[in-house]
Amino acid sequence: MSLFAATDADDDLPATACFSVHARAEPGVMARVLELFAKRGLVPCFYQSSTSGTDRSELTIDIQMHGLGRETMDYIAACLRQIVCVEVVSAAQRHLPDRAEY
């Protein structure tokens, strides 16, 4: 993978990368997740987190990042899986309909 692919988003790409991170609700997990984007100069277009479970010990983080190619999305998902306390990471691309279809 090229260094460029791992560090930059392309606003011309019609795809939005969607990440769902499931982790133990531990201090620092959200910061470590966002750090993967911040150190690449990326600002997600959507970020939401919530706790669940009877003792609120489960954390779900949903992130969307416009303009990430498949290779970069897969790389970031692999990095997310390496974070301590992260249990499951799902990643998918959402493609916007072509404007000609409107």
Protein backbone atom coordinates (compact mmCIF):
# COMPACT_ATOMS: atom_id res chain seq x y z
CA MET A 1 0.00 0.00 0.00
CA SER A 2 1.28 3.44 -0.79
CA LEU A 3 1.87 5.97 1.98
CA PHE A 4 -0.54 8.33 0.22
CA ALA A 5 -3.34 5.76 0.39
CA ALA A 6 -2.97 5.44 4.14
CA THR A 7 -2.86 9.15 4.90
CA ASP A 8 -5.22 11.06 2.65
CA ALA A 9 -8.88 11.24 1.70
CA ASP A 10 -10.05 12.10 -1.79
CA ASP A 11 -13.17 14.27 -1.84
CA ASP A 12 -13.75 13.27 -5.47
CA LEU A 13 -14.42 9.65 -4.51
CA PRO A 14 -18.18 9.06 -4.31
CA ALA A 15 -17.82 6.49 -1.52
CA THR A 16 -18.15 6.94 2.22
CA ALA A 17 -16.32 4.49 4.47
CA CYS A 18 -18.46 3.33 7.38
CA PHE A 19 -16.83 1.81 10.47
CA SER A 20 -18.57 0.18 13.41
CA VAL A 21 -16.31 -0.51 16.38
CA HIS A 22 -17.43 -2.65 19.32
CA ALA A 23 -15.22 -2.50 22.40
CA ARG A 24 -15.16 -2.68 26.15
CA ALA A 25 -16.17 0.68 27.62
CA GLU A 26 -12.76 1.65 28.94
CA PRO A 27 -11.26 5.13 29.32
CA GLY A 28 -9.16 6.01 26.31
CA VAL A 29 -10.81 3.76 23.71
CA MET A 30 -12.59 6.64 21.95
CA ALA A 31 -9.41 8.74 21.88
CA ARG A 32 -7.37 5.87 20.44
CA VAL A 33 -10.00 5.26 17.75
CA LEU A 34 -10.13 8.93 16.71
CA GLU A 35 -6.34 9.15 16.81
CA LEU A 36 -6.13 6.83 13.79
CA PHE A 37 -7.97 9.45 11.75
CA ALA A 38 -6.39 12.54 13.33
CA LYS A 39 -2.80 11.43 12.74
CA ARG A 40 -3.64 11.15 9.03
CA GLY A 41 -5.15 14.64 8.97
CA LEU A 42 -8.67 13.23 8.54
CA VAL A 43 -11.86 14.51 10.15
CA PRO A 44 -14.76 12.03 10.01
CA CYS A 45 -18.03 13.41 8.64
CA PHE A 46 -19.94 11.44 11.31
CA TYR A 47 -19.00 10.10 14.75
CA GLN A 48 -21.30 8.62 17.37
CA SER A 49 -20.62 6.51 20.43
CA SER A 50 -22.85 4.86 22.98
CA THR A 51 -22.58 2.43 25.86
CA SER A 52 -24.84 -0.56 26.37
CA GLY A 53 -25.21 -3.70 28.42
CA THR A 54 -26.67 -4.12 31.87
CA ASP A 55 -23.57 -2.58 33.46
CA ARG A 56 -22.83 -0.17 30.53
CA SER A 57 -19.58 -2.06 29.87
CA GLU A 58 -20.00 -2.28 26.08
CA LEU A 59 -19.04 0.60 23.79
CA THR A 60 -20.19 1.03 20.20
CA ILE A 61 -18.57 3.65 17.99
CA ASP A 62 -19.90 4.43 14.51
CA ILE A 63 -17.72 6.53 12.21
CA GLN A 64 -18.21 7.67 8.62
CA MET A 65 -15.42 9.14 6.50
CA HIS A 66 -16.14 10.49 3.02
CA GLY A 67 -13.58 10.02 0.28
CA LEU A 68 -11.67 6.97 1.53
CA GLY A 69 -10.80 4.37 -1.06
CA ARG A 70 -11.21 0.64 -0.37
CA GLU A 71 -7.50 0.13 0.32
CA THR A 72 -7.36 2.93 2.90
CA MET A 73 -10.61 1.80 4.52
CA ASP A 74 -9.27 -1.74 4.88
CA TYR A 75 -6.00 -0.44 6.33
CA ILE A 76 -7.74 1.73 8.94
CA ALA A 77 -10.07 -1.16 9.86
CA ALA A 78 -7.02 -3.39 10.42
CA CYS A 79 -5.46 -0.70 12.63
CA LEU A 80 -8.70 -0.35 14.61
CA ARG A 81 -8.65 -4.09 15.28
CA GLN A 82 -5.23 -3.73 16.94
CA ILE A 83 -6.47 -1.28 19.60
CA VAL A 84 -6.59 -2.65 23.14
CA CYS A 85 -10.19 -3.33 24.29
CA VAL A 86 -11.55 -3.38 20.70
CA GLU A 87 -13.41 -6.64 20.13
CA VAL A 88 -15.05 -6.32 16.69
CA VAL A 89 -14.61 -3.91 13.76
CA SER A 90 -16.92 -3.85 10.74
CA ALA A 91 -16.13 -1.73 7.70
CA ALA A 92 -18.16 -1.11 4.56
CA GLN A 93 -18.33 1.41 1.74
CA ARG A 94 -21.51 3.31 1.03
CA HIS A 95 -21.69 4.62 -2.53
CA LEU A 96 -23.80 7.65 -3.30
CA PRO A 97 -26.02 7.39 -6.37
CA ASP A 98 -24.69 9.01 -9.52
CA ARG A 99 -26.11 12.52 -9.87
CA ALA A 100 -27.35 11.63 -13.35
CA GLU A 101 -29.79 9.22 -11.70
CA TYR A 102 -31.74 12.01 -9.95
